[in-house]
Amino acid sequence: MPITLITGANKGLGFETARRLIGLGHTVIISARNTGLGQSAAQQLGARFVQLDVTDDASVTRAAQDIEAHEGRLDVLINNAGISGPHRETAQLTGADATEVFNTNVAGIVRVTQALLPLLQRAEHPVVINVSSGMGSFAATHDPERPEGQFVAPLYTASKAAVTMLTTQYARGLPSIRFNAVDPGYTATEFNGHSGPQTVLEGTDAIVTLATEAPEAGTGRFIDRFGPVAW
């Protein structure tokens, strides 16, 4: 039975991914910054909760120690936690704004992955899935026919481009672990004020695919629910 950790899983895509993977036989650990919200979500799902703030080294270390003590290994890590950043005009963005977004969306993945590497390396076929976005794709953001071509969000889009490149580099640097990135698509969640045309079921299709596919499926890829994403 695969043991799976999902960060930022108390709502939205993380919550739905947990629900689906539990239904497919995974032992799921969900994490969130807020203990109350995380525990409530875990109770609804029948999952185990571990408090984890991806921006806090001590919190990440404690979470890794907790999983070490309870499960002893990790088969699938889904780096889902992320923020959109400040909603203000481009000319008003600051270095502090950039630091906050990249600290969560990019450095957070590095913190969590690094802390959990020993547990992943105990799995027979370890998998890391990084939730990126089509908003980080040059191809998508330069296509005026796509939703990604309609928005201006410099820090979020740049951070997601970094997530995708980080994924390909981890895939090369750690070939014993399968690293892939996913674009959930424009999905109706609290993250975007429920404005997306996709349901959370559709938005989690690609994540679930990567979490359940055969080991020979490959590493260093970027996919959405329809297949490979140009970026």
C-alpha atoms as a PDB file:
ATOM      1  CA  MET A   1       0.000   0.000   0.000  1.00  0.00           C
ATOM      2  CA  PRO A   2       1.647   3.283  -1.107  1.00  0.00           C
ATOM      3  CA  ILE A   3       2.275   5.881   1.589  1.00  0.00           C
ATOM      4  CA  THR A   4       1.631   9.384   0.251  1.00  0.00           C
ATOM      5  CA  LEU A   5       2.200  12.845   1.714  1.00  0.00           C
ATOM      6  CA  ILE A   6       0.360  15.841   0.246  1.00  0.00           C
ATOM      7  CA  THR A   7       1.342  19.346   1.341  1.00  0.00           C
ATOM      8  CA  GLY A   8      -1.286  22.077   1.592  1.00  0.00           C
ATOM      9  CA  ALA A   9      -4.059  19.480   1.559  1.00  0.00           C
ATOM     10  CA  ASN A  10      -6.705  20.911   3.861  1.00  0.00           C
ATOM     11  CA  LYS A  11      -8.720  22.232   0.890  1.00  0.00           C
ATOM     12  CA  GLY A  12      -8.905  22.534  -2.897  1.00  0.00           C
ATOM     13  CA  LEU A  13      -6.752  20.372  -5.130  1.00  0.00           C
ATOM     14  CA  GLY A  14      -4.791  18.895  -2.241  1.00  0.00           C
ATOM     15  CA  PHE A  15      -7.946  17.775  -0.429  1.00  0.00           C
ATOM     16  CA  GLU A  16      -9.485  16.262  -3.569  1.00  0.00           C
ATOM     17  CA  THR A  17      -6.227  14.502  -4.448  1.00  0.00           C
ATOM     18  CA  ALA A  18      -6.156  12.987  -0.962  1.00  0.00           C
ATOM     19  CA  ARG A  19      -9.772  11.826  -1.268  1.00  0.00           C
ATOM     20  CA  ARG A  20      -9.118  10.153  -4.600  1.00  0.00           C
ATOM     21  CA  LEU A  21      -5.875   8.467  -3.592  1.00  0.00           C
ATOM     22  CA  ILE A  22      -7.413   7.109  -0.398  1.00  0.00           C
ATOM     23  CA  GLY A  23     -10.105   5.598  -2.600  1.00  0.00           C
ATOM     24  CA  LEU A  24      -7.363   3.981  -4.682  1.00  0.00           C
ATOM     25  CA  GLY A  25      -5.762   2.350  -1.669  1.00  0.00           C
ATOM     26  CA  HIS A  26      -3.060   4.847  -0.679  1.00  0.00           C
ATOM     27  CA  THR A  27      -2.254   5.539   2.940  1.00  0.00           C
ATOM     28  CA  VAL A  28      -2.450   9.331   2.826  1.00  0.00           C
ATOM     29  CA  ILE A  29      -0.832  11.844   5.144  1.00  0.00           C
ATOM     30  CA  ILE A  30      -2.082  15.379   4.649  1.00  0.00           C
ATOM     31  CA  SER A  31      -0.295  18.471   5.849  1.00  0.00           C
ATOM     32  CA  ALA A  32      -1.217  22.096   6.325  1.00  0.00           C
ATOM     33  CA  ARG A  33       0.142  25.147   8.124  1.00  0.00           C
ATOM     34  CA  ASN A  34      -3.007  25.532  10.222  1.00  0.00           C
ATOM     35  CA  THR A  35      -3.376  22.657  12.673  1.00  0.00           C
ATOM     36  CA  GLY A  36      -7.109  23.088  13.244  1.00  0.00           C
ATOM     37  CA  LEU A  37      -7.972  23.190   9.550  1.00  0.00           C
ATOM     38  CA  GLY A  38      -5.624  20.318   8.791  1.00  0.00           C
ATOM     39  CA  GLN A  39      -6.997  18.083  11.525  1.00  0.00           C
ATOM     40  CA  SER A  40     -10.558  18.796  10.433  1.00  0.00           C
ATOM     41  CA  ALA A  41      -9.732  17.905   6.823  1.00  0.00           C
ATOM     42  CA  ALA A  42      -7.938  14.722   7.888  1.00  0.00           C
ATOM     43  CA  GLN A  43     -10.928  13.645   9.934  1.00  0.00           C
ATOM     44  CA  GLN A  44     -13.248  14.161   6.960  1.00  0.00           C
ATOM     45  CA  LEU A  45     -10.948  12.184   4.681  1.00  0.00           C
ATOM     46  CA  GLY A  46      -9.853   9.384   6.978  1.00  0.00           C
ATOM     47  CA  ALA A  47      -6.254  10.509   6.564  1.00  0.00           C
ATOM     48  CA  ARG A  48      -3.488  11.210   9.052  1.00  0.00           C
ATOM     49  CA  PHE A  49      -2.519  14.840   9.649  1.00  0.00           C
ATOM     50  CA  VAL A  50       0.978  16.250  10.088  1.00  0.00           C
ATOM     51  CA  GLN A  51       1.485  19.970  10.674  1.00  0.00           C
ATOM     52  CA  LEU A  52       3.877  21.364   8.090  1.00  0.00           C
ATOM     53  CA  ASP A  53       4.703  24.906   7.014  1.00  0.00           C
ATOM     54  CA  VAL A  54       6.843  24.704   3.876  1.00  0.00           C
ATOM     55  CA  THR A  55       8.473  28.062   4.681  1.00  0.00           C
ATOM     56  CA  ASP A  56       9.687  26.942   8.116  1.00  0.00           C
ATOM     57  CA  ASP A  57      12.734  24.659   8.337  1.00  0.00           C
ATOM     58  CA  ALA A  58      11.892  23.542  11.870  1.00  0.00           C
ATOM     59  CA  SER A  59       8.317  22.668  10.904  1.00  0.00           C
ATOM     60  CA  VAL A  60       9.512  20.647   7.918  1.00  0.00           C
ATOM     61  CA  THR A  61      12.053  18.797  10.064  1.00  0.00           C
ATOM     62  CA  ARG A  62       9.403  17.941  12.663  1.00  0.00           C
ATOM     63  CA  ALA A  63       7.085  16.626   9.950  1.00  0.00           C
ATOM     64  CA  ALA A  64       9.835  14.422   8.519  1.00  0.00           C
ATOM     65  CA  GLN A  65      10.598  13.069  11.997  1.00  0.00           C
ATOM     66  CA  ASP A  66       6.899  12.378  12.558  1.00  0.00           C
ATOM     67  CA  ILE A  67       6.605  10.373   9.331  1.00  0.00           C
ATOM     68  CA  GLU A  68       9.836   8.564  10.160  1.00  0.00           C
ATOM     69  CA  ALA A  69       8.368   7.516  13.506  1.00  0.00           C
ATOM     70  CA  HIS A  70       4.920   6.513  12.229  1.00  0.00           C
ATOM     71  CA  GLU A  71       5.337   5.205   8.673  1.00  0.00           C
ATOM     72  CA  GLY A  72       9.088   4.733   8.271  1.00  0.00           C
ATOM     73  CA  ARG A  73       9.091   5.400   4.535  1.00  0.00           C
ATOM     74  CA  LEU A  74       7.386   7.510   1.890  1.00  0.00           C
ATOM     75  CA  ASP A  75       6.365   6.288  -1.571  1.00  0.00           C
ATOM     76  CA  VAL A  76       4.807   9.444  -2.997  1.00  0.00           C
ATOM     77  CA  LEU A  77       5.433  13.101  -2.149  1.00  0.00           C
ATOM     78  CA  ILE A  78       3.043  15.625  -3.675  1.00  0.00           C
ATOM     79  CA  ASN A  79       4.361  19.175  -3.299  1.00  0.00           C
ATOM     80  CA  ASN A  80       1.047  20.977  -3.616  1.00  0.00           C
ATOM     81  CA  ALA A  81       1.347  23.881  -1.159  1.00  0.00           C
ATOM     82  CA  GLY A  82       1.641  27.277  -2.825  1.00  0.00           C
ATOM     83  CA  ILE A  83       0.502  30.889  -2.796  1.00  0.00           C
ATOM     84  CA  SER A  84      -0.557  33.317  -5.508  1.00  0.00           C
ATOM     85  CA  GLY A  85       1.257  36.272  -3.990  1.00  0.00           C
ATOM     86  CA  PRO A  86       0.077  39.868  -3.639  1.00  0.00           C
ATOM     87  CA  HIS A  87      -2.739  41.133  -5.831  1.00  0.00           C
ATOM     88  CA  ARG A  88      -1.392  44.501  -6.887  1.00  0.00           C
ATOM     89  CA  GLU A  89      -0.249  46.335  -9.975  1.00  0.00           C
ATOM     90  CA  THR A  90       2.998  45.153 -11.542  1.00  0.00           C
ATOM     91  CA  ALA A  91       4.659  48.511 -10.910  1.00  0.00           C
ATOM     92  CA  GLN A  92       3.929  48.158  -7.190  1.00  0.00           C
ATOM     93  CA  LEU A  93       5.654  44.789  -6.677  1.00  0.00           C
ATOM     94  CA  THR A  94       8.587  44.681  -4.267  1.00  0.00           C
ATOM     95  CA  GLY A  95      11.544  42.449  -3.553  1.00  0.00           C
ATOM     96  CA  ALA A  96       9.813  41.353  -0.358  1.00  0.00           C
ATOM     97  CA  ASP A  97       6.820  40.247  -2.415  1.00  0.00           C
ATOM     98  CA  ALA A  98       9.084  38.175  -4.645  1.00  0.00           C
ATOM     99  CA  THR A  99      10.864  36.649  -1.669  1.00  0.00           C
ATOM    100  CA  GLU A 100       7.560  35.583  -0.112  1.00  0.00           C
ATOM    101  CA  VAL A 101       6.261  33.917  -3.291  1.00  0.00           C
ATOM    102  CA  PHE A 102       9.499  32.132  -4.195  1.00  0.00           C
ATOM    103  CA  ASN A 103      10.098  31.107  -0.579  1.00  0.00           C
ATOM    104  CA  THR A 104       6.781  29.267  -0.544  1.00  0.00           C
ATOM    105  CA  ASN A 105       6.400  28.033  -4.119  1.00  0.00           C
ATOM    106  CA  VAL A 106      10.006  27.135  -4.935  1.00  0.00           C
ATOM    107  CA  ALA A 107      12.195  27.024  -1.825  1.00  0.00           C
ATOM    108  CA  GLY A 108       9.332  25.245  -0.047  1.00  0.00           C
ATOM    109  CA  ILE A 109       9.617  22.361  -2.489  1.00  0.00           C
ATOM    110  CA  VAL A 110      13.364  22.164  -1.895  1.00  0.00           C
ATOM    111  CA  ARG A 111      12.919  22.183   1.897  1.00  0.00           C
ATOM    112  CA  VAL A 112      10.295  19.451   1.925  1.00  0.00           C
ATOM    113  CA  THR A 113      11.953  17.267  -0.691  1.00  0.00           C
ATOM    114  CA  GLN A 114      15.346  17.465   0.982  1.00  0.00           C
ATOM    115  CA  ALA A 115      13.941  16.604   4.406  1.00  0.00           C
ATOM    116  CA  LEU A 116      12.025  13.614   3.050  1.00  0.00           C
ATOM    117  CA  LEU A 117      14.712  12.188   0.762  1.00  0.00           C
ATOM    118  CA  PRO A 118      15.806   9.515   3.280  1.00  0.00           C
ATOM    119  CA  LEU A 119      12.201   8.288   3.566  1.00  0.00           C
ATOM    120  CA  LEU A 120      11.653   8.361  -0.206  1.00  0.00           C
ATOM    121  CA  GLN A 121      14.860   6.406  -0.766  1.00  0.00           C
ATOM    122  CA  ARG A 122      13.427   3.563   1.328  1.00  0.00           C
ATOM    123  CA  ALA A 123      10.537   3.120  -1.123  1.00  0.00           C
ATOM    124  CA  GLU A 124      10.751   0.620  -3.967  1.00  0.00           C
ATOM    125  CA  HIS A 125       9.594   3.104  -6.608  1.00  0.00           C
ATOM    126  CA  PRO A 126       9.603   6.599  -5.049  1.00  0.00           C
ATOM    127  CA  VAL A 127       7.707   9.422  -6.727  1.00  0.00           C
ATOM    128  CA  VAL A 128       7.781  13.201  -6.277  1.00  0.00           C
ATOM    129  CA  ILE A 129       5.047  15.273  -7.940  1.00  0.00           C
ATOM    130  CA  ASN A 130       5.439  19.046  -8.031  1.00  0.00           C
ATOM    131  CA  VAL A 131       2.258  21.007  -8.674  1.00  0.00           C
ATOM    132  CA  SER A 132       3.259  23.615 -11.221  1.00  0.00           C
ATOM    133  CA  SER A 133       0.968  25.540 -13.599  1.00  0.00           C
ATOM    134  CA  GLY A 134       0.389  26.391 -17.215  1.00  0.00           C
ATOM    135  CA  MET A 135       0.833  29.953 -15.967  1.00  0.00           C
ATOM    136  CA  GLY A 136       4.552  29.145 -15.873  1.00  0.00           C
ATOM    137  CA  SER A 137       4.629  28.020 -19.508  1.00  0.00           C
ATOM    138  CA  PHE A 138       6.003  30.355 -22.177  1.00  0.00           C
ATOM    139  CA  ALA A 139       3.880  28.577 -24.778  1.00  0.00           C
ATOM    140  CA  ALA A 140       0.641  28.967 -22.817  1.00  0.00           C
ATOM    141  CA  THR A 141       1.172  32.535 -21.610  1.00  0.00           C
ATOM    142  CA  HIS A 142       1.990  33.691 -25.155  1.00  0.00           C
ATOM    143  CA  ASP A 143      -1.180  32.140 -26.595  1.00  0.00           C
ATOM    144  CA  PRO A 144      -3.990  34.732 -26.552  1.00  0.00           C
ATOM    145  CA  GLU A 145      -6.555  31.968 -27.014  1.00  0.00           C
ATOM    146  CA  ARG A 146      -5.661  30.336 -23.701  1.00  0.00           C
ATOM    147  CA  PRO A 147      -6.672  31.564 -20.220  1.00  0.00           C
ATOM    148  CA  GLU A 148      -2.975  31.745 -19.280  1.00  0.00           C
ATOM    149  CA  GLY A 149      -2.515  34.392 -21.977  1.00  0.00           C
ATOM    150  CA  GLN A 150      -5.098  36.675 -20.361  1.00  0.00           C
ATOM    151  CA  PHE A 151      -3.575  37.210 -16.923  1.00  0.00           C
ATOM    152  CA  VAL A 152      -0.681  39.290 -15.605  1.00  0.00           C
ATOM    153  CA  ALA A 153       0.853  37.774 -12.475  1.00  0.00           C
ATOM    154  CA  PRO A 154       4.645  38.216 -12.666  1.00  0.00           C
ATOM    155  CA  LEU A 155       5.646  36.555  -9.416  1.00  0.00           C
ATOM    156  CA  TYR A 156       3.281  33.599  -9.495  1.00  0.00           C
ATOM    157  CA  THR A 157       4.042  32.782 -13.131  1.00  0.00           C
ATOM    158  CA  ALA A 158       7.798  33.117 -12.617  1.00  0.00           C
ATOM    159  CA  SER A 159       7.677  30.884  -9.547  1.00  0.00           C
ATOM    160  CA  LYS A 160       5.789  28.177 -11.442  1.00  0.00           C
ATOM    161  CA  ALA A 161       8.265  28.310 -14.328  1.00  0.00           C
ATOM    162  CA  ALA A 162      10.942  27.761 -11.678  1.00  0.00           C
ATOM    163  CA  VAL A 163       9.015  24.794 -10.242  1.00  0.00           C
ATOM    164  CA  THR A 164       8.931  23.079 -13.626  1.00  0.00           C
ATOM    165  CA  MET A 165      12.662  23.601 -14.232  1.00  0.00           C
ATOM    166  CA  LEU A 166      13.436  22.521 -10.667  1.00  0.00           C
ATOM    167  CA  THR A 167      11.542  19.303 -11.378  1.00  0.00           C
ATOM    168  CA  THR A 168      13.559  18.475 -14.485  1.00  0.00           C
ATOM    169  CA  GLN A 169      16.812  19.143 -12.664  1.00  0.00           C
ATOM    170  CA  TYR A 170      15.852  16.953  -9.708  1.00  0.00           C
ATOM    171  CA  ALA A 171      14.945  14.224 -12.211  1.00  0.00           C
ATOM    172  CA  ARG A 172      18.469  14.377 -13.619  1.00  0.00           C
ATOM    173  CA  GLY A 173      20.213  14.754 -10.297  1.00  0.00           C
ATOM    174  CA  LEU A 174      18.287  11.995  -8.498  1.00  0.00           C
ATOM    175  CA  PRO A 175      17.521   9.368 -11.149  1.00  0.00           C
ATOM    176  CA  SER A 176      16.466   6.779  -8.553  1.00  0.00           C
ATOM    177  CA  ILE A 177      13.375   8.897  -7.776  1.00  0.00           C
ATOM    178  CA  ARG A 178      10.725   9.724 -10.365  1.00  0.00           C
ATOM    179  CA  PHE A 179      10.208  13.524 -10.424  1.00  0.00           C
ATOM    180  CA  ASN A 180       7.406  15.019 -12.514  1.00  0.00           C
ATOM    181  CA  ALA A 181       5.532  18.320 -12.648  1.00  0.00           C
ATOM    182  CA  VAL A 182       1.831  18.793 -13.234  1.00  0.00           C
ATOM    183  CA  ASP A 183      -0.410  21.556 -14.541  1.00  0.00           C
ATOM    184  CA  PRO A 184      -3.815  21.036 -12.898  1.00  0.00           C
ATOM    185  CA  GLY A 185      -5.430  23.507 -15.327  1.00  0.00           C
ATOM    186  CA  TYR A 186      -7.755  26.381 -14.533  1.00  0.00           C
ATOM    187  CA  THR A 187      -9.808  24.776 -11.788  1.00  0.00           C
ATOM    188  CA  ALA A 188     -12.551  26.260  -9.635  1.00  0.00           C
ATOM    189  CA  THR A 189     -11.042  26.472  -6.139  1.00  0.00           C
ATOM    190  CA  GLU A 190     -10.782  29.026  -3.340  1.00  0.00           C
ATOM    191  CA  PHE A 191      -7.309  29.818  -4.719  1.00  0.00           C
ATOM    192  CA  ASN A 192      -8.885  31.663  -7.692  1.00  0.00           C
ATOM    193  CA  GLY A 193     -12.220  32.619  -6.193  1.00  0.00           C
ATOM    194  CA  HIS A 194     -13.823  29.538  -7.790  1.00  0.00           C
ATOM    195  CA  SER A 195     -13.500  31.176 -11.210  1.00  0.00           C
ATOM    196  CA  GLY A 196     -11.977  28.253 -13.101  1.00  0.00           C
ATOM    197  CA  PRO A 197     -14.060  26.266 -15.605  1.00  0.00           C
ATOM    198  CA  GLN A 198     -12.718  22.876 -14.422  1.00  0.00           C
ATOM    199  CA  THR A 199     -14.040  20.898 -11.458  1.00  0.00           C
ATOM    200  CA  VAL A 200     -11.648  19.758  -8.740  1.00  0.00           C
ATOM    201  CA  LEU A 201     -12.109  16.231 -10.067  1.00  0.00           C
ATOM    202  CA  GLU A 202     -10.783  17.346 -13.456  1.00  0.00           C
ATOM    203  CA  GLY A 203      -8.095  19.465 -11.831  1.00  0.00           C
ATOM    204  CA  THR A 204      -6.683  16.483  -9.961  1.00  0.00           C
ATOM    205  CA  ASP A 205      -6.726  14.032 -12.886  1.00  0.00           C
ATOM    206  CA  ALA A 206      -3.087  14.588 -13.826  1.00  0.00           C
ATOM    207  CA  ILE A 207      -1.879  14.512 -10.209  1.00  0.00           C
ATOM    208  CA  VAL A 208      -3.609  11.186  -9.622  1.00  0.00           C
ATOM    209  CA  THR A 209      -2.187   9.859 -12.887  1.00  0.00           C
ATOM    210  CA  LEU A 210       1.365  10.671 -11.807  1.00  0.00           C
ATOM    211  CA  ALA A 211       0.783   9.194  -8.342  1.00  0.00           C
ATOM    212  CA  THR A 212      -0.521   5.880  -9.672  1.00  0.00           C
ATOM    213  CA  GLU A 213       1.239   5.254 -12.998  1.00  0.00           C
ATOM    214  CA  ALA A 214       3.752   2.465 -13.587  1.00  0.00           C
ATOM    215  CA  PRO A 215       7.411   3.078 -12.645  1.00  0.00           C
ATOM    216  CA  GLU A 216       8.475   2.935 -16.293  1.00  0.00           C
ATOM    217  CA  ALA A 217       6.231   5.910 -17.168  1.00  0.00           C
ATOM    218  CA  GLY A 218       9.214   8.225 -16.949  1.00  0.00           C
ATOM    219  CA  THR A 219      10.702  11.143 -15.080  1.00  0.00           C
ATOM    220  CA  GLY A 220      11.344  14.831 -15.761  1.00  0.00           C
ATOM    221  CA  ARG A 221       7.959  15.374 -17.433  1.00  0.00           C
ATOM    222  CA  PHE A 222       5.392  18.187 -17.296  1.00  0.00           C
ATOM    223  CA  ILE A 223       1.815  17.035 -17.936  1.00  0.00           C
ATOM    224  CA  ASP A 224      -1.796  18.091 -17.619  1.00  0.00           C
ATOM    225  CA  ARG A 225      -4.922  15.948 -17.795  1.00  0.00           C
ATOM    226  CA  PHE A 226      -4.599  15.728 -21.583  1.00  0.00           C
ATOM    227  CA  GLY A 227      -0.910  14.793 -21.760  1.00  0.00           C
ATOM    228  CA  PRO A 228       2.481  16.525 -22.087  1.00  0.00           C
ATOM    229  CA  VAL A 229       2.519  20.327 -21.697  1.00  0.00           C
ATOM    230  CA  ALA A 230       4.618  22.559 -23.952  1.00  0.00           C
ATOM    231  CA  TRP A 231       6.627  25.042 -21.932  1.00  0.00           C
END
